[in-house]
Amino acid sequence: MLRVKRRAHKRRKYRGRTLPKPIDVSETTFLIPDRGRKGRGEKIFDLQKGELSKHGYSLTEKTAVRRAALKKSVEEDGYKTVLGRIHALSIIHRRTNPIYALKAKLDRGWLVSEFGSHT
């Protein structure tokens, strides 16, 4: 089972004969079955825990903090290694938390524009 975060949305609540009024449904976190594709085969990459977070990188942080952490990480580990880790994060979060996947994808694009021409 996977822990998934769903965004808040509006839905209609029906109350007898009155007109439906939209109500807010708050953001929730709950367990769902694994939605990975069937037959996806064996694991093709291994992302070690803490390799990016030791520099201060977290997908919950603001953009400026994430990019500063990525700069530190590139200085220590190298551009291609960090690029691979960010790409792996975007793939891991693609189905379960699309907002985090988008943040990782944007960070990957920033890395390419910032460091890609130098290698």
N, C-alpha and C. Protein backbone atom coordinates (compact mmCIF):
# COMPACT_ATOMS: atom_id res chain seq x y z
N MET A 1 0.84 -1.19 0.00
CA MET A 1 0.00 0.00 0.00
C MET A 1 0.88 1.25 0.00
N LEU A 2 0.43 2.26 -0.68
CA LEU A 2 1.16 3.52 -0.79
C LEU A 2 0.39 4.63 -0.08
N ARG A 3 1.11 5.56 0.53
CA ARG A 3 0.48 6.73 1.11
C ARG A 3 0.46 7.81 0.05
N VAL A 4 -0.74 8.32 -0.27
CA VAL A 4 -0.93 9.26 -1.36
C VAL A 4 -1.60 10.52 -0.84
N LYS A 5 -1.17 11.66 -1.36
CA LYS A 5 -1.78 12.93 -1.01
C LYS A 5 -2.65 13.39 -2.18
N ARG A 6 -3.89 13.72 -1.91
CA ARG A 6 -4.80 14.22 -2.94
C ARG A 6 -5.10 15.69 -2.69
N ARG A 7 -5.22 16.46 -3.77
CA ARG A 7 -5.50 17.88 -3.65
C ARG A 7 -6.94 18.13 -3.23
N ALA A 8 -7.15 19.30 -2.63
CA ALA A 8 -8.49 19.71 -2.25
C ALA A 8 -9.30 20.03 -3.51
N HIS A 9 -10.59 19.82 -3.46
CA HIS A 9 -11.46 20.13 -4.59
C HIS A 9 -12.85 20.49 -4.08
N LYS A 10 -13.70 20.93 -4.99
CA LYS A 10 -15.07 21.24 -4.61
C LYS A 10 -15.98 20.17 -5.15
N ARG A 11 -16.98 19.83 -4.37
CA ARG A 11 -17.97 18.88 -4.84
C ARG A 11 -19.34 19.38 -4.42
N ARG A 12 -20.36 18.82 -5.01
CA ARG A 12 -21.72 19.23 -4.68
C ARG A 12 -22.27 18.38 -3.55
N LYS A 13 -22.99 19.02 -2.68
CA LYS A 13 -23.66 18.29 -1.62
C LYS A 13 -25.15 18.49 -1.83
N TYR A 14 -25.87 17.40 -1.93
CA TYR A 14 -27.30 17.48 -2.18
C TYR A 14 -28.05 17.41 -0.86
N ARG A 15 -28.95 18.35 -0.69
CA ARG A 15 -29.76 18.39 0.54
C ARG A 15 -31.24 18.47 0.15
N GLY A 16 -31.82 17.35 0.01
CA GLY A 16 -33.25 17.32 -0.29
C GLY A 16 -33.59 18.00 -1.60
N ARG A 17 -34.57 18.93 -1.58
CA ARG A 17 -35.04 19.57 -2.79
C ARG A 17 -34.34 20.90 -3.06
N THR A 18 -33.46 21.32 -2.19
CA THR A 18 -32.78 22.59 -2.42
C THR A 18 -31.71 22.44 -3.50
N LEU A 19 -31.28 23.54 -4.02
CA LEU A 19 -30.24 23.51 -5.05
C LEU A 19 -28.93 23.01 -4.45
N PRO A 20 -28.15 22.27 -5.24
CA PRO A 20 -26.87 21.80 -4.72
C PRO A 20 -25.90 22.97 -4.53
N LYS A 21 -25.26 23.01 -3.39
CA LYS A 21 -24.28 24.04 -3.10
C LYS A 21 -22.91 23.39 -3.03
N PRO A 22 -21.91 24.01 -3.70
CA PRO A 22 -20.58 23.41 -3.63
C PRO A 22 -19.97 23.58 -2.25
N ILE A 23 -19.33 22.53 -1.78
CA ILE A 23 -18.62 22.60 -0.51
C ILE A 23 -17.17 22.22 -0.75
N ASP A 24 -16.30 22.68 0.11
CA ASP A 24 -14.88 22.37 -0.03
C ASP A 24 -14.58 21.02 0.60
N VAL A 25 -13.75 20.26 -0.08
CA VAL A 25 -13.24 19.01 0.46
C VAL A 25 -11.76 19.24 0.70
N SER A 26 -11.33 19.06 1.92
CA SER A 26 -9.95 19.40 2.27
C SER A 26 -8.97 18.39 1.70
N GLU A 27 -7.70 18.78 1.70
CA GLU A 27 -6.63 17.91 1.24
C GLU A 27 -6.49 16.75 2.20
N THR A 28 -6.39 15.56 1.67
CA THR A 28 -6.33 14.38 2.52
C THR A 28 -5.13 13.51 2.16
N THR A 29 -4.75 12.68 3.08
CA THR A 29 -3.72 11.68 2.86
C THR A 29 -4.30 10.34 3.25
N PHE A 30 -4.16 9.35 2.37
CA PHE A 30 -4.73 8.04 2.66
C PHE A 30 -3.97 6.96 1.93
N LEU A 31 -4.27 5.73 2.24
CA LEU A 31 -3.59 4.59 1.64
C LEU A 31 -4.36 4.09 0.42
N ILE A 32 -3.63 3.78 -0.66
CA ILE A 32 -4.24 3.20 -1.85
C ILE A 32 -3.38 2.02 -2.29
N PRO A 33 -3.92 1.13 -3.11
CA PRO A 33 -3.09 0.06 -3.64
C PRO A 33 -2.05 0.61 -4.62
N ASP A 34 -0.98 -0.14 -4.83
CA ASP A 34 0.08 0.27 -5.74
C ASP A 34 -0.48 0.42 -7.14
N ARG A 35 -0.24 1.59 -7.77
CA ARG A 35 -0.76 1.85 -9.11
C ARG A 35 0.30 1.70 -10.19
N GLY A 36 1.39 1.08 -9.85
CA GLY A 36 2.44 0.89 -10.84
C GLY A 36 1.96 -0.01 -11.96
N ARG A 37 2.57 0.14 -13.11
CA ARG A 37 2.18 -0.67 -14.25
C ARG A 37 2.52 -2.14 -14.00
N LYS A 38 1.68 -3.00 -14.46
CA LYS A 38 1.91 -4.43 -14.31
C LYS A 38 3.06 -4.85 -15.22
N GLY A 39 3.87 -5.76 -14.74
CA GLY A 39 4.96 -6.27 -15.53
C GLY A 39 6.06 -5.27 -15.77
N ARG A 40 6.24 -4.36 -14.84
CA ARG A 40 7.24 -3.31 -15.06
C ARG A 40 8.67 -3.83 -14.87
N GLY A 41 8.81 -5.06 -14.46
CA GLY A 41 10.13 -5.68 -14.40
C GLY A 41 10.89 -5.35 -13.14
N GLU A 42 12.17 -5.61 -13.21
CA GLU A 42 13.01 -5.41 -12.03
C GLU A 42 13.39 -3.95 -11.86
N LYS A 43 13.91 -3.65 -10.71
CA LYS A 43 14.31 -2.30 -10.36
C LYS A 43 15.50 -1.88 -11.23
N ILE A 44 15.40 -0.69 -11.87
CA ILE A 44 16.47 -0.28 -12.77
C ILE A 44 17.38 0.79 -12.18
N PHE A 45 16.99 1.39 -11.07
CA PHE A 45 17.87 2.34 -10.41
C PHE A 45 17.68 2.24 -8.91
N ASP A 46 18.69 2.69 -8.18
CA ASP A 46 18.64 2.63 -6.73
C ASP A 46 18.93 4.03 -6.20
N LEU A 47 17.96 4.65 -5.58
CA LEU A 47 18.10 5.99 -5.02
C LEU A 47 18.32 5.84 -3.52
N GLN A 48 19.52 6.18 -3.07
CA GLN A 48 19.83 6.02 -1.66
C GLN A 48 19.26 7.17 -0.85
N LYS A 49 18.71 6.84 0.28
CA LYS A 49 18.05 7.83 1.13
C LYS A 49 19.08 8.80 1.72
N GLY A 50 18.77 10.09 1.66
CA GLY A 50 19.60 11.10 2.28
C GLY A 50 20.68 11.70 1.41
N GLU A 51 20.83 11.24 0.17
CA GLU A 51 21.89 11.77 -0.68
C GLU A 51 21.64 13.22 -1.07
N LEU A 52 20.40 13.61 -1.26
CA LEU A 52 20.08 15.00 -1.58
C LEU A 52 19.71 15.80 -0.33
N SER A 53 19.11 15.13 0.62
CA SER A 53 18.65 15.86 1.82
C SER A 53 19.79 16.28 2.73
N LYS A 54 20.95 15.65 2.60
CA LYS A 54 22.08 16.07 3.44
C LYS A 54 22.57 17.46 3.06
N HIS A 55 22.22 17.92 1.85
CA HIS A 55 22.55 19.27 1.42
C HIS A 55 21.40 20.24 1.65
N GLY A 56 20.28 19.75 2.15
CA GLY A 56 19.13 20.60 2.44
C GLY A 56 18.03 20.51 1.40
N TYR A 57 18.12 19.57 0.46
CA TYR A 57 17.10 19.46 -0.59
C TYR A 57 15.91 18.66 -0.08
N SER A 58 14.73 19.25 -0.27
CA SER A 58 13.48 18.56 0.04
C SER A 58 12.41 19.12 -0.88
N LEU A 59 11.55 18.28 -1.39
CA LEU A 59 10.51 18.73 -2.31
C LEU A 59 9.45 19.57 -1.60
N THR A 60 9.46 19.60 -0.28
CA THR A 60 8.51 20.44 0.45
C THR A 60 9.03 21.86 0.64
N GLU A 61 10.31 22.08 0.37
CA GLU A 61 10.91 23.41 0.53
C GLU A 61 10.55 24.32 -0.65
N LYS A 62 10.80 25.61 -0.46
CA LYS A 62 10.57 26.58 -1.53
C LYS A 62 11.65 26.45 -2.59
N THR A 63 11.39 27.04 -3.74
CA THR A 63 12.28 26.90 -4.89
C THR A 63 13.70 27.38 -4.59
N ALA A 64 13.83 28.53 -3.95
CA ALA A 64 15.17 29.08 -3.69
C ALA A 64 15.99 28.15 -2.80
N VAL A 65 15.36 27.57 -1.81
CA VAL A 65 16.06 26.65 -0.90
C VAL A 65 16.47 25.38 -1.63
N ARG A 66 15.58 24.86 -2.47
CA ARG A 66 15.90 23.64 -3.23
C ARG A 66 17.06 23.88 -4.18
N ARG A 67 17.06 25.03 -4.84
CA ARG A 67 18.12 25.31 -5.81
C ARG A 67 19.46 25.55 -5.14
N ALA A 68 19.45 26.19 -3.98
CA ALA A 68 20.70 26.37 -3.24
C ALA A 68 21.26 25.01 -2.83
N ALA A 69 20.38 24.10 -2.40
CA ALA A 69 20.81 22.76 -2.02
C ALA A 69 21.34 21.99 -3.23
N LEU A 70 20.72 22.19 -4.39
CA LEU A 70 21.20 21.52 -5.60
C LEU A 70 22.59 22.02 -5.99
N LYS A 71 22.84 23.31 -5.82
CA LYS A 71 24.17 23.85 -6.13
C LYS A 71 25.23 23.19 -5.24
N LYS A 72 24.92 23.06 -3.95
CA LYS A 72 25.86 22.40 -3.03
C LYS A 72 26.08 20.95 -3.44
N SER A 73 25.01 20.30 -3.82
CA SER A 73 25.09 18.90 -4.19
C SER A 73 25.91 18.70 -5.46
N VAL A 74 25.75 19.62 -6.43
CA VAL A 74 26.52 19.53 -7.67
C VAL A 74 28.00 19.74 -7.39
N GLU A 75 28.32 20.66 -6.48
CA GLU A 75 29.72 20.88 -6.13
C GLU A 75 30.36 19.63 -5.52
N GLU A 76 29.59 18.92 -4.72
CA GLU A 76 30.15 17.74 -4.05
C GLU A 76 30.11 16.48 -4.92
N ASP A 77 28.96 16.21 -5.55
CA ASP A 77 28.77 14.93 -6.23
C ASP A 77 28.90 14.98 -7.74
N GLY A 78 28.79 16.15 -8.33
CA GLY A 78 28.87 16.26 -9.79
C GLY A 78 27.51 16.42 -10.42
N TYR A 79 27.52 17.05 -11.60
CA TYR A 79 26.28 17.40 -12.30
C TYR A 79 25.46 16.18 -12.71
N LYS A 80 26.08 15.22 -13.35
CA LYS A 80 25.34 14.08 -13.87
C LYS A 80 24.74 13.21 -12.77
N THR A 81 25.45 13.08 -11.67
CA THR A 81 24.94 12.29 -10.56
C THR A 81 23.69 12.94 -9.97
N VAL A 82 23.75 14.24 -9.74
CA VAL A 82 22.62 14.96 -9.17
C VAL A 82 21.45 14.97 -10.14
N LEU A 83 21.74 15.14 -11.43
CA LEU A 83 20.69 15.12 -12.44
C LEU A 83 19.96 13.77 -12.43
N GLY A 84 20.71 12.69 -12.30
CA GLY A 84 20.10 11.37 -12.24
C GLY A 84 19.23 11.19 -11.01
N ARG A 85 19.67 11.72 -9.88
CA ARG A 85 18.88 11.60 -8.65
C ARG A 85 17.57 12.38 -8.76
N ILE A 86 17.63 13.59 -9.32
CA ILE A 86 16.42 14.39 -9.48
C ILE A 86 15.47 13.73 -10.46
N HIS A 87 16.01 13.17 -11.53
CA HIS A 87 15.18 12.46 -12.50
C HIS A 87 14.51 11.25 -11.85
N ALA A 88 15.24 10.55 -11.01
CA ALA A 88 14.67 9.40 -10.30
C ALA A 88 13.53 9.85 -9.38
N LEU A 89 13.70 10.99 -8.71
CA LEU A 89 12.63 11.51 -7.85
C LEU A 89 11.38 11.80 -8.65
N SER A 90 11.54 12.41 -9.83
CA SER A 90 10.37 12.73 -10.64
C SER A 90 9.64 11.46 -11.09
N ILE A 91 10.40 10.40 -11.38
CA ILE A 91 9.79 9.15 -11.80
C ILE A 91 9.08 8.47 -10.62
N ILE A 92 9.71 8.48 -9.46
CA ILE A 92 9.13 7.84 -8.29
C ILE A 92 7.80 8.48 -7.90
N HIS A 93 7.72 9.80 -7.97
CA HIS A 93 6.52 10.51 -7.52
C HIS A 93 5.49 10.72 -8.62
N ARG A 94 5.75 10.23 -9.82
CA ARG A 94 4.88 10.52 -10.96
C ARG A 94 3.42 10.11 -10.72
N ARG A 95 3.20 8.92 -10.20
CA ARG A 95 1.82 8.43 -10.03
C ARG A 95 1.24 8.69 -8.65
N THR A 96 2.08 8.79 -7.65
CA THR A 96 1.56 8.91 -6.30
C THR A 96 1.43 10.35 -5.83
N ASN A 97 2.34 11.23 -6.24
CA ASN A 97 2.27 12.63 -5.83
C ASN A 97 2.72 13.50 -7.00
N PRO A 98 1.80 13.82 -7.90
CA PRO A 98 2.16 14.55 -9.12
C PRO A 98 2.75 15.94 -8.86
N ILE A 99 2.39 16.57 -7.76
CA ILE A 99 2.93 17.90 -7.45
C ILE A 99 4.43 17.79 -7.17
N TYR A 100 4.84 16.80 -6.41
CA TYR A 100 6.26 16.58 -6.15
C TYR A 100 6.99 16.21 -7.44
N ALA A 101 6.35 15.42 -8.29
CA ALA A 101 6.96 15.04 -9.56
C ALA A 101 7.20 16.27 -10.43
N LEU A 102 6.24 17.18 -10.43
CA LEU A 102 6.40 18.41 -11.21
C LEU A 102 7.52 19.28 -10.66
N LYS A 103 7.61 19.38 -9.33
CA LYS A 103 8.70 20.15 -8.72
C LYS A 103 10.06 19.55 -9.09
N ALA A 104 10.18 18.24 -9.05
CA ALA A 104 11.43 17.58 -9.39
C ALA A 104 11.75 17.79 -10.87
N LYS A 105 10.74 17.77 -11.71
CA LYS A 105 10.95 17.98 -13.14
C LYS A 105 11.42 19.42 -13.41
N LEU A 106 10.83 20.38 -12.71
CA LEU A 106 11.26 21.77 -12.86
C LEU A 106 12.68 21.96 -12.35
N ASP A 107 13.01 21.31 -11.25
CA ASP A 107 14.38 21.38 -10.74
C ASP A 107 15.37 20.75 -11.71
N ARG A 108 14.96 19.68 -12.36
CA ARG A 108 15.81 19.04 -13.35
C ARG A 108 16.06 19.98 -14.53
N GLY A 109 15.01 20.66 -14.97
CA GLY A 109 15.16 21.63 -16.05
C GLY A 109 16.07 22.78 -15.66
N TRP A 110 15.96 23.22 -14.42
CA TRP A 110 16.83 24.29 -13.92
C TRP A 110 18.29 23.82 -13.89
N LEU A 111 18.50 22.59 -13.45
CA LEU A 111 19.86 22.04 -13.43
C LEU A 111 20.48 22.01 -14.82
N VAL A 112 19.71 21.60 -15.82
CA VAL A 112 20.19 21.53 -17.19
C VAL A 112 20.53 22.92 -17.68
N SER A 113 19.66 23.89 -17.42
CA SER A 113 19.92 25.25 -17.90
C SER A 113 21.09 25.90 -17.17
N GLU A 114 21.30 25.54 -15.91
CA GLU A 114 22.34 26.16 -15.09
C GLU A 114 23.70 25.50 -15.28
N PHE A 115 23.74 24.17 -15.33
CA PHE A 115 25.01 23.44 -15.36
C PHE A 115 25.22 22.63 -16.64
N GLY A 116 24.22 22.45 -17.44
CA GLY A 116 24.29 21.56 -18.58
C GLY A 116 25.25 21.99 -19.66
N SER A 117 25.39 23.28 -19.90
CA SER A 117 26.28 23.74 -20.97
C SER A 117 27.75 23.67 -20.59
N HIS A 118 28.03 23.52 -19.28
CA HIS A 118 29.41 23.51 -18.82
C HIS A 118 30.06 22.15 -18.92
N THR A 119 29.26 21.10 -19.15
CA THR A 119 29.86 19.76 -19.21
C THR A 119 29.88 19.23 -20.62
